[in-house]
């Protein structure tokens, strides 16, 4: 056999193996006949590939069942399933003030989760990396798994990320993108947190043209246009820097730059409560301790001071929605993050301000139902997508030992 023939044969085996693994990752127990029907491979090829995947640690053969249709009478069908110990994937939301991690099996079932509040500016880059590893190790220990079981870790960070996992120069961005690959187990992929939120929302409720606004302390957008996630050459798509430009230029009345709704609700309440002449329940709190949750709660109770802040947030959101819709023809704008569960009053006001007589289609404004875990859930979805797309790039522990 010459070199070209050997290479072609090896490539064909790889293609067949990937096709069967993708099928196995979506199924529970399956037979050779069922795999043939989906992959188009012959019985001999399926059985040969399955034997190879059993040896590699991906699959395991399970007890026989009644005879498979088309086999010799009385011969039990050979049945296979994904080996539970083949490996796990890890998602990590590595925010500025918190870490949240989820460990999931290769079918996407969540096996364990942990969350920890942090101070990134105290930890520094090395401390963030070490802290992430410690939290993931504890979560693995919770579920009886070892670090070597991790096939892929996807990390979401509040910074622009290019196709190579790098962030632009800048003290904050370099702190957030803390060199996690040198600290964590298995293959590591770093992604922008708003992009991962968009991935999670797309898996939860698919839309080909959608902006996911991740808002809390800062504003970031994950943009899906024509079914594709926009990134840009330096990872800057969706960074919402135009808000900083508008705020600085005073061309459009917009306070706060790229601050998120949580930060703005807190800042506006604290800075204006002294000059407010009316009654407000927020005066019952120490001025320096008013937070966004207090403002939203007061607004629900009919507090006029808090309601004014909600209205201003709604006006800001309406402007942002019109910009995104005009530039990108976005059909849906999803507000995501921990604040999403309280955001409906802001959405209501924003909807009332959208221009109904412009002749242009306006985006639907909706709140995410994934809460504060939207980024880490997107990280898990991203990890599973990568494994399913090219499973043989990730070797199970059995094949590495």
Foldseek 3Di string as FASTA:
>chain_A
DDPVVVVVVVVVLQVLLLLLLLVQLQDAKDFLVVSCVRSVDDSVSSVVSVVVCVLLQQKDWDDFDAPDPPDPHPDTTTMMHGDQLQAWEKFWEQEQFKIKMFIATLNRHTQFIDMDTDHLVVLFLVNSLQVVAVRVQVRCVVRVHHQLRYAEYEYAFQAQQAPVRDGDDDDVRCSRSRVNCVRGGHHYHYHHLQQLLVLLVCVVPNDQFEWEWEFAQFTFIFTHANNRTDQDRRRCPRRQQVQVVCCVVVPDPHPDRGGGLFNQLLVVQLVCVVVDPDDFPCVVDPSNPDTNVNLLVRVVVPGPVSLVSLLSLLCVVLVVQVVSCVPRVGAAYEYAAQCLVSNVSSLVNNVVPNDPPPPGHGHHYHYDPPHHCSSRSSRSSVVSVVCSVNVVVGRGSSNVD
